[in-house]
Amino acid sequence: MDTKLTLKLEKEVIEKAKEYASAQRRSLSSLVESYLKSLVTKENPESDPEISPYVKSLKTGVKVPANLDPKEVYSDFLAEKYK
């Protein structure tokens, strides 16, 4: 059930937040709600954070070794590329 909430914020902050929300194609209310949910989740470590559908779509199923050194892999890639 949705409930109305009134907040007092600086006018400039509200304007910038509205611009940001518009650029994200979201409402300001949904941004505030997401932020408040993230705060509540941090206080309750037993609950798992919600993963967005976009992030889930990036899942490849590739297992990355725990001892992988990204700098070494990138260095090897560049060495191979510029042979």
PDB file of N, CA and C in Angstrom:
ATOM      1  N   MET A   1       0.833  -1.175   0.000  1.00  0.00           N
ATOM      2  CA  MET A   1       0.000   0.000   0.000  1.00  0.00           C
ATOM      3  C   MET A   1       0.881   1.242   0.000  1.00  0.00           C
ATOM      4  N   ASP A   2       0.663   2.136  -0.925  1.00  0.00           N
ATOM      5  CA  ASP A   2       1.433   3.372  -1.012  1.00  0.00           C
ATOM      6  C   ASP A   2       0.864   4.408  -0.056  1.00  0.00           C
ATOM      7  N   THR A   3       1.772   5.171   0.558  1.00  0.00           N
ATOM      8  CA  THR A   3       1.402   6.235   1.478  1.00  0.00           C
ATOM      9  C   THR A   3       2.147   7.492   1.081  1.00  0.00           C
ATOM     10  N   LYS A   4       1.507   8.624   1.187  1.00  0.00           N
ATOM     11  CA  LYS A   4       2.109   9.895   0.822  1.00  0.00           C
ATOM     12  C   LYS A   4       3.078  10.349   1.906  1.00  0.00           C
ATOM     13  N   LEU A   5       4.213  10.938   1.474  1.00  0.00           N
ATOM     14  CA  LEU A   5       5.223  11.450   2.389  1.00  0.00           C
ATOM     15  C   LEU A   5       5.620  12.844   1.928  1.00  0.00           C
ATOM     16  N   THR A   6       5.693  13.782   2.853  1.00  0.00           N
ATOM     17  CA  THR A   6       6.097  15.146   2.532  1.00  0.00           C
ATOM     18  C   THR A   6       7.491  15.374   3.092  1.00  0.00           C
ATOM     19  N   LEU A   7       8.389  15.877   2.241  1.00  0.00           N
ATOM     20  CA  LEU A   7       9.766  16.152   2.647  1.00  0.00           C
ATOM     21  C   LEU A   7      10.094  17.614   2.421  1.00  0.00           C
ATOM     22  N   LYS A   8      10.946  18.168   3.277  1.00  0.00           N
ATOM     23  CA  LYS A   8      11.439  19.523   3.090  1.00  0.00           C
ATOM     24  C   LYS A   8      12.904  19.418   2.679  1.00  0.00           C
ATOM     25  N   LEU A   9      13.196  19.868   1.464  1.00  0.00           N
ATOM     26  CA  LEU A   9      14.556  19.809   0.927  1.00  0.00           C
ATOM     27  C   LEU A   9      14.888  21.137   0.262  1.00  0.00           C
ATOM     28  N   GLU A  10      16.181  21.381   0.058  1.00  0.00           N
ATOM     29  CA  GLU A  10      16.596  22.581  -0.646  1.00  0.00           C
ATOM     30  C   GLU A  10      16.067  22.536  -2.077  1.00  0.00           C
ATOM     31  N   LYS A  11      15.640  23.677  -2.567  1.00  0.00           N
ATOM     32  CA  LYS A  11      15.048  23.767  -3.902  1.00  0.00           C
ATOM     33  C   LYS A  11      16.014  23.251  -4.971  1.00  0.00           C
ATOM     34  N   GLU A  12      17.282  23.603  -4.865  1.00  0.00           N
ATOM     35  CA  GLU A  12      18.289  23.184  -5.846  1.00  0.00           C
ATOM     36  C   GLU A  12      18.448  21.662  -5.853  1.00  0.00           C
ATOM     37  N   VAL A  13      18.409  21.069  -4.688  1.00  0.00           N
ATOM     38  CA  VAL A  13      18.520  19.610  -4.595  1.00  0.00           C
ATOM     39  C   VAL A  13      17.330  18.951  -5.284  1.00  0.00           C
ATOM     40  N   ILE A  14      16.161  19.475  -5.063  1.00  0.00           N
ATOM     41  CA  ILE A  14      14.951  18.922  -5.681  1.00  0.00           C
ATOM     42  C   ILE A  14      15.041  19.027  -7.202  1.00  0.00           C
ATOM     43  N   GLU A  15      15.472  20.187  -7.705  1.00  0.00           N
ATOM     44  CA  GLU A  15      15.568  20.382  -9.149  1.00  0.00           C
ATOM     45  C   GLU A  15      16.558  19.402  -9.776  1.00  0.00           C
ATOM     46  N   LYS A  16      17.715  19.255  -9.152  1.00  0.00           N
ATOM     47  CA  LYS A  16      18.725  18.332  -9.680  1.00  0.00           C
ATOM     48  C   LYS A  16      18.239  16.889  -9.586  1.00  0.00           C
ATOM     49  N   ALA A  17      17.557  16.558  -8.521  1.00  0.00           N
ATOM     50  CA  ALA A  17      17.030  15.200  -8.355  1.00  0.00           C
ATOM     51  C   ALA A  17      15.969  14.899  -9.412  1.00  0.00           C
ATOM     52  N   LYS A  18      15.138  15.880  -9.724  1.00  0.00           N
ATOM     53  CA  LYS A  18      14.128  15.696 -10.772  1.00  0.00           C
ATOM     54  C   LYS A  18      14.788  15.481 -12.130  1.00  0.00           C
ATOM     55  N   GLU A  19      15.833  16.251 -12.415  1.00  0.00           N
ATOM     56  CA  GLU A  19      16.567  16.083 -13.675  1.00  0.00           C
ATOM     57  C   GLU A  19      17.174  14.680 -13.755  1.00  0.00           C
ATOM     58  N   TYR A  20      17.782  14.256 -12.653  1.00  0.00           N
ATOM     59  CA  TYR A  20      18.390  12.922 -12.618  1.00  0.00           C
ATOM     60  C   TYR A  20      17.332  11.841 -12.823  1.00  0.00           C
ATOM     61  N   ALA A  21      16.228  11.959 -12.126  1.00  0.00           N
ATOM     62  CA  ALA A  21      15.149  10.975 -12.250  1.00  0.00           C
ATOM     63  C   ALA A  21      14.630  10.934 -13.678  1.00  0.00           C
ATOM     64  N   SER A  22      14.480  12.080 -14.291  1.00  0.00           N
ATOM     65  CA  SER A  22      14.007  12.141 -15.670  1.00  0.00           C
ATOM     66  C   SER A  22      14.988  11.463 -16.616  1.00  0.00           C
ATOM     67  N   ALA A  23      16.280  11.713 -16.408  1.00  0.00           N
ATOM     68  CA  ALA A  23      17.304  11.085 -17.246  1.00  0.00           C
ATOM     69  C   ALA A  23      17.309   9.563 -17.084  1.00  0.00           C
ATOM     70  N   GLN A  24      16.933   9.091 -15.894  1.00  0.00           N
ATOM     71  CA  GLN A  24      16.876   7.655 -15.627  1.00  0.00           C
ATOM     72  C   GLN A  24      15.528   7.045 -16.012  1.00  0.00           C
ATOM     73  N   ARG A  25      14.637   7.896 -16.499  1.00  0.00           N
ATOM     74  CA  ARG A  25      13.265   7.492 -16.856  1.00  0.00           C
ATOM     75  C   ARG A  25      12.551   6.839 -15.671  1.00  0.00           C
ATOM     76  N   ARG A  26      12.699   7.486 -14.534  1.00  0.00           N
ATOM     77  CA  ARG A  26      12.056   7.032 -13.300  1.00  0.00           C
ATOM     78  C   ARG A  26      11.422   8.229 -12.628  1.00  0.00           C
ATOM     79  N   SER A  27      10.517   7.958 -11.741  1.00  0.00           N
ATOM     80  CA  SER A  27       9.933   9.055 -10.973  1.00  0.00           C
ATOM     81  C   SER A  27      10.838   9.352  -9.778  1.00  0.00           C
ATOM     82  N   LEU A  28      10.741  10.549  -9.304  1.00  0.00           N
ATOM     83  CA  LEU A  28      11.517  10.927  -8.126  1.00  0.00           C
ATOM     84  C   LEU A  28      11.096  10.085  -6.930  1.00  0.00           C
ATOM     85  N   SER A  29       9.810   9.796  -6.849  1.00  0.00           N
ATOM     86  CA  SER A  29       9.308   8.956  -5.755  1.00  0.00           C
ATOM     87  C   SER A  29       9.944   7.573  -5.775  1.00  0.00           C
ATOM     88  N   SER A  30      10.088   6.982  -6.967  1.00  0.00           N
ATOM     89  CA  SER A  30      10.673   5.636  -7.029  1.00  0.00           C
ATOM     90  C   SER A  30      12.155   5.660  -6.665  1.00  0.00           C
ATOM     91  N   LEU A  31      12.857   6.759  -7.017  1.00  0.00           N
ATOM     92  CA  LEU A  31      14.265   6.880  -6.626  1.00  0.00           C
ATOM     93  C   LEU A  31      14.411   6.973  -5.112  1.00  0.00           C
ATOM     94  N   VAL A  32      13.567   7.798  -4.498  1.00  0.00           N
ATOM     95  CA  VAL A  32      13.618   7.954  -3.040  1.00  0.00           C
ATOM     96  C   VAL A  32      13.270   6.631  -2.371  1.00  0.00           C
ATOM     97  N   GLU A  33      12.260   5.958  -2.880  1.00  0.00           N
ATOM     98  CA  GLU A  33      11.864   4.671  -2.303  1.00  0.00           C
ATOM     99  C   GLU A  33      12.993   3.649  -2.420  1.00  0.00           C
ATOM    100  N   SER A  34      13.655   3.595  -3.579  1.00  0.00           N
ATOM    101  CA  SER A  34      14.776   2.665  -3.761  1.00  0.00           C
ATOM    102  C   SER A  34      15.905   2.966  -2.776  1.00  0.00           C
ATOM    103  N   TYR A  35      16.192   4.253  -2.606  1.00  0.00           N
ATOM    104  CA  TYR A  35      17.248   4.642  -1.679  1.00  0.00           C
ATOM    105  C   TYR A  35      16.901   4.235  -0.246  1.00  0.00           C
ATOM    106  N   LEU A  36      15.678   4.510   0.156  1.00  0.00           N
ATOM    107  CA  LEU A  36      15.266   4.149   1.522  1.00  0.00           C
ATOM    108  C   LEU A  36      15.283   2.634   1.717  1.00  0.00           C
ATOM    109  N   LYS A  37      14.887   1.893   0.698  1.00  0.00           N
ATOM    110  CA  LYS A  37      14.951   0.435   0.787  1.00  0.00           C
ATOM    111  C   LYS A  37      16.387  -0.036   0.966  1.00  0.00           C
ATOM    112  N   SER A  38      17.330   0.613   0.261  1.00  0.00           N
ATOM    113  CA  SER A  38      18.736   0.220   0.389  1.00  0.00           C
ATOM    114  C   SER A  38      19.251   0.481   1.800  1.00  0.00           C
ATOM    115  N   LEU A  39      18.781   1.550   2.426  1.00  0.00           N
ATOM    116  CA  LEU A  39      19.185   1.832   3.808  1.00  0.00           C
ATOM    117  C   LEU A  39      18.648   0.771   4.763  1.00  0.00           C
ATOM    118  N   VAL A  40      17.403   0.406   4.564  1.00  0.00           N
ATOM    119  CA  VAL A  40      16.773  -0.589   5.425  1.00  0.00           C
ATOM    120  C   VAL A  40      17.449  -1.946   5.241  1.00  0.00           C
ATOM    121  N   THR A  41      17.814  -2.278   4.009  1.00  0.00           N
ATOM    122  CA  THR A  41      18.470  -3.552   3.711  1.00  0.00           C
ATOM    123  C   THR A  41      19.819  -3.623   4.399  1.00  0.00           C
ATOM    124  N   LYS A  42      20.562  -2.518   4.421  1.00  0.00           N
ATOM    125  CA  LYS A  42      21.868  -2.503   5.079  1.00  0.00           C
ATOM    126  C   LYS A  42      21.745  -2.795   6.562  1.00  0.00           C
ATOM    127  N   GLU A  43      20.664  -2.317   7.162  1.00  0.00           N
ATOM    128  CA  GLU A  43      20.468  -2.541   8.585  1.00  0.00           C
ATOM    129  C   GLU A  43      20.006  -3.964   8.876  1.00  0.00           C
ATOM    130  N   ASN A  44      19.494  -4.644   7.860  1.00  0.00           N
ATOM    131  CA  ASN A  44      19.002  -6.004   8.017  1.00  0.00           C
ATOM    132  C   ASN A  44      19.832  -6.915   7.117  1.00  0.00           C
ATOM    133  N   PRO A  45      21.018  -7.366   7.562  1.00  0.00           N
ATOM    134  CA  PRO A  45      21.913  -8.146   6.703  1.00  0.00           C
ATOM    135  C   PRO A  45      21.364  -9.519   6.317  1.00  0.00           C
ATOM    136  N   GLU A  46      20.309  -9.973   6.980  1.00  0.00           N
ATOM    137  CA  GLU A  46      19.749 -11.280   6.659  1.00  0.00           C
ATOM    138  C   GLU A  46      19.017 -11.280   5.329  1.00  0.00           C
ATOM    139  N   SER A  47      18.513 -10.114   4.906  1.00  0.00           N
ATOM    140  CA  SER A  47      17.780 -10.062   3.645  1.00  0.00           C
ATOM    141  C   SER A  47      18.750  -9.838   2.488  1.00  0.00           C
ATOM    142  N   ASP A  48      18.533 -10.532   1.380  1.00  0.00           N
ATOM    143  CA  ASP A  48      19.377 -10.396   0.203  1.00  0.00           C
ATOM    144  C   ASP A  48      18.970  -9.144  -0.573  1.00  0.00           C
ATOM    145  N   PRO A  49      19.955  -8.403  -1.111  1.00  0.00           N
ATOM    146  CA  PRO A  49      19.603  -7.237  -1.910  1.00  0.00           C
ATOM    147  C   PRO A  49      18.956  -7.681  -3.221  1.00  0.00           C
ATOM    148  N   GLU A  50      18.033  -6.876  -3.703  1.00  0.00           N
ATOM    149  CA  GLU A  50      17.357  -7.186  -4.951  1.00  0.00           C
ATOM    150  C   GLU A  50      18.278  -6.865  -6.125  1.00  0.00           C
ATOM    151  N   ILE A  51      18.414  -7.803  -7.055  1.00  0.00           N
ATOM    152  CA  ILE A  51      19.252  -7.602  -8.232  1.00  0.00           C
ATOM    153  C   ILE A  51      18.345  -7.227  -9.399  1.00  0.00           C
ATOM    154  N   SER A  52      18.697  -6.143 -10.076  1.00  0.00           N
ATOM    155  CA  SER A  52      17.856  -5.673 -11.169  1.00  0.00           C
ATOM    156  C   SER A  52      17.875  -6.660 -12.335  1.00  0.00           C
ATOM    157  N   PRO A  53      16.804  -6.683 -13.122  1.00  0.00           N
ATOM    158  CA  PRO A  53      16.762  -7.566 -14.287  1.00  0.00           C
ATOM    159  C   PRO A  53      17.914  -7.323 -15.261  1.00  0.00           C
ATOM    160  N   TYR A  54      18.343  -6.065 -15.397  1.00  0.00           N
ATOM    161  CA  TYR A  54      19.449  -5.758 -16.299  1.00  0.00           C
ATOM    162  C   TYR A  54      20.733  -6.440 -15.824  1.00  0.00           C
ATOM    163  N   VAL A  55      21.019  -6.342 -14.545  1.00  0.00           N
ATOM    164  CA  VAL A  55      22.233  -6.961 -14.012  1.00  0.00           C
ATOM    165  C   VAL A  55      22.138  -8.485 -14.158  1.00  0.00           C
ATOM    166  N   LYS A  56      20.971  -9.035 -13.911  1.00  0.00           N
ATOM    167  CA  LYS A  56      20.782 -10.479 -14.085  1.00  0.00           C
ATOM    168  C   LYS A  56      21.037 -10.888 -15.525  1.00  0.00           C
ATOM    169  N   SER A  57      20.693 -10.022 -16.479  1.00  0.00           N
ATOM    170  CA  SER A  57      20.887 -10.360 -17.897  1.00  0.00           C
ATOM    171  C   SER A  57      22.361 -10.416 -18.267  1.00  0.00           C
ATOM    172  N   LEU A  58      23.234  -9.823 -17.472  1.00  0.00           N
ATOM    173  CA  LEU A  58      24.664  -9.826 -17.753  1.00  0.00           C
ATOM    174  C   LEU A  58      25.340 -11.133 -17.338  1.00  0.00           C
ATOM    175  N   LYS A  59      24.629 -11.956 -16.619  1.00  0.00           N
ATOM    176  CA  LYS A  59      25.163 -13.226 -16.133  1.00  0.00           C
ATOM    177  C   LYS A  59      25.592 -14.093 -17.309  1.00  0.00           C
ATOM    178  N   THR A  60      26.833 -14.602 -17.265  1.00  0.00           N
ATOM    179  CA  THR A  60      27.346 -15.408 -18.368  1.00  0.00           C
ATOM    180  C   THR A  60      27.529 -16.870 -17.995  1.00  0.00           C
ATOM    181  N   GLY A  61      27.617 -17.151 -16.722  1.00  0.00           N
ATOM    182  CA  GLY A  61      27.835 -18.529 -16.296  1.00  0.00           C
ATOM    183  C   GLY A  61      29.307 -18.913 -16.283  1.00  0.00           C
ATOM    184  N   VAL A  62      30.189 -17.990 -16.638  1.00  0.00           N
ATOM    185  CA  VAL A  62      31.620 -18.263 -16.656  1.00  0.00           C
ATOM    186  C   VAL A  62      32.154 -18.206 -15.227  1.00  0.00           C
ATOM    187  N   LYS A  63      32.904 -19.219 -14.837  1.00  0.00           N
ATOM    188  CA  LYS A  63      33.509 -19.243 -13.505  1.00  0.00           C
ATOM    189  C   LYS A  63      34.875 -18.564 -13.572  1.00  0.00           C
ATOM    190  N   VAL A  64      35.109 -17.595 -12.716  1.00  0.00           N
ATOM    191  CA  VAL A  64      36.365 -16.866 -12.672  1.00  0.00           C
ATOM    192  C   VAL A  64      37.188 -17.416 -11.509  1.00  0.00           C
ATOM    193  N   PRO A  65      38.431 -17.835 -11.776  1.00  0.00           N
ATOM    194  CA  PRO A  65      39.273 -18.358 -10.695  1.00  0.00           C
ATOM    195  C   PRO A  65      39.494 -17.307  -9.606  1.00  0.00           C
ATOM    196  N   ALA A  66      39.564 -17.751  -8.368  1.00  0.00           N
ATOM    197  CA  ALA A  66      39.726 -16.837  -7.238  1.00  0.00           C
ATOM    198  C   ALA A  66      41.066 -16.116  -7.276  1.00  0.00           C
ATOM    199  N   ASN A  67      42.092 -16.759  -7.832  1.00  0.00           N
ATOM    200  CA  ASN A  67      43.431 -16.158  -7.846  1.00  0.00           C
ATOM    201  C   ASN A  67      43.733 -15.419  -9.149  1.00  0.00           C
ATOM    202  N   LEU A  68      42.739 -15.063  -9.921  1.00  0.00           N
ATOM    203  CA  LEU A  68      42.914 -14.365 -11.193  1.00  0.00           C
ATOM    204  C   LEU A  68      43.447 -12.962 -10.955  1.00  0.00           C
ATOM    205  N   ASP A  69      44.504 -12.603 -11.672  1.00  0.00           N
ATOM    206  CA  ASP A  69      45.084 -11.264 -11.574  1.00  0.00           C
ATOM    207  C   ASP A  69      44.661 -10.475 -12.820  1.00  0.00           C
ATOM    208  N   PRO A  70      43.713  -9.531 -12.671  1.00  0.00           N
ATOM    209  CA  PRO A  70      43.213  -8.796 -13.842  1.00  0.00           C
ATOM    210  C   PRO A  70      44.310  -8.053 -14.606  1.00  0.00           C
ATOM    211  N   LYS A  71      45.283  -7.512 -13.905  1.00  0.00           N
ATOM    212  CA  LYS A  71      46.364  -6.785 -14.581  1.00  0.00           C
ATOM    213  C   LYS A  71      47.192  -7.723 -15.454  1.00  0.00           C
ATOM    214  N   GLU A  72      47.438  -8.910 -14.953  1.00  0.00           N
ATOM    215  CA  GLU A  72      48.205  -9.889 -15.726  1.00  0.00           C
ATOM    216  C   GLU A  72      47.423 -10.336 -16.965  1.00  0.00           C
ATOM    217  N   VAL A  73      46.141 -10.575 -16.794  1.00  0.00           N
ATOM    218  CA  VAL A  73      45.305 -10.982 -17.924  1.00  0.00           C
ATOM    219  C   VAL A  73      45.279  -9.892 -18.982  1.00  0.00           C
ATOM    220  N   TYR A  74      45.132  -8.639 -18.561  1.00  0.00           N
ATOM    221  CA  TYR A  74      45.095  -7.525 -19.500  1.00  0.00           C
ATOM    222  C   TYR A  74      46.445  -7.362 -20.187  1.00  0.00           C
ATOM    223  N   SER A  75      47.511  -7.511 -19.439  1.00  0.00           N
ATOM    224  CA  SER A  75      48.855  -7.422 -20.006  1.00  0.00           C
ATOM    225  C   SER A  75      49.051  -8.502 -21.065  1.00  0.00           C
ATOM    226  N   ASP A  76      48.628  -9.721 -20.775  1.00  0.00           N
ATOM    227  CA  ASP A  76      48.727 -10.820 -21.746  1.00  0.00           C
ATOM    228  C   ASP A  76      47.891 -10.510 -22.986  1.00  0.00           C
ATOM    229  N   PHE A  77      46.712  -9.957 -22.789  1.00  0.00           N
ATOM    230  CA  PHE A  77      45.837  -9.598 -23.905  1.00  0.00           C
ATOM    231  C   PHE A  77      46.522  -8.581 -24.819  1.00  0.00           C
ATOM    232  N   LEU A  78      47.106  -7.535 -24.205  1.00  0.00           N
ATOM    233  CA  LEU A  78      47.767  -6.508 -25.005  1.00  0.00           C
ATOM    234  C   LEU A  78      48.988  -7.062 -25.730  1.00  0.00           C
ATOM    235  N   ALA A  79      49.737  -7.910 -25.049  1.00  0.00           N
ATOM    236  CA  ALA A  79      50.920  -8.520 -25.684  1.00  0.00           C
ATOM    237  C   ALA A  79      50.505  -9.343 -26.896  1.00  0.00           C
ATOM    238  N   GLU A  80      49.442 -10.073 -26.797  1.00  0.00           N
ATOM    239  CA  GLU A  80      48.935 -10.889 -27.915  1.00  0.00           C
ATOM    240  C   GLU A  80      48.389  -9.997 -29.027  1.00  0.00           C
ATOM    241  N   LYS A  81      47.689  -8.955 -28.652  1.00  0.00           N
ATOM    242  CA  LYS A  81      47.070  -8.060 -29.633  1.00  0.00           C
ATOM    243  C   LYS A  81      48.114  -7.348 -30.490  1.00  0.00           C
ATOM    244  N   TYR A  82      49.219  -6.931 -29.871  1.00  0.00           N
ATOM    245  CA  TYR A  82      50.221  -6.137 -30.578  1.00  0.00           C
ATOM    246  C   TYR A  82      51.468  -6.932 -30.967  1.00  0.00           C
ATOM    247  N   LYS A  83      51.325  -8.220 -31.173  1.00  0.00           N
ATOM    248  CA  LYS A  83      52.430  -9.069 -31.634  1.00  0.00           C
ATOM    249  C   LYS A  83      52.861  -8.661 -33.012  1.00  0.00           C
TER     250      LYS A  83
END
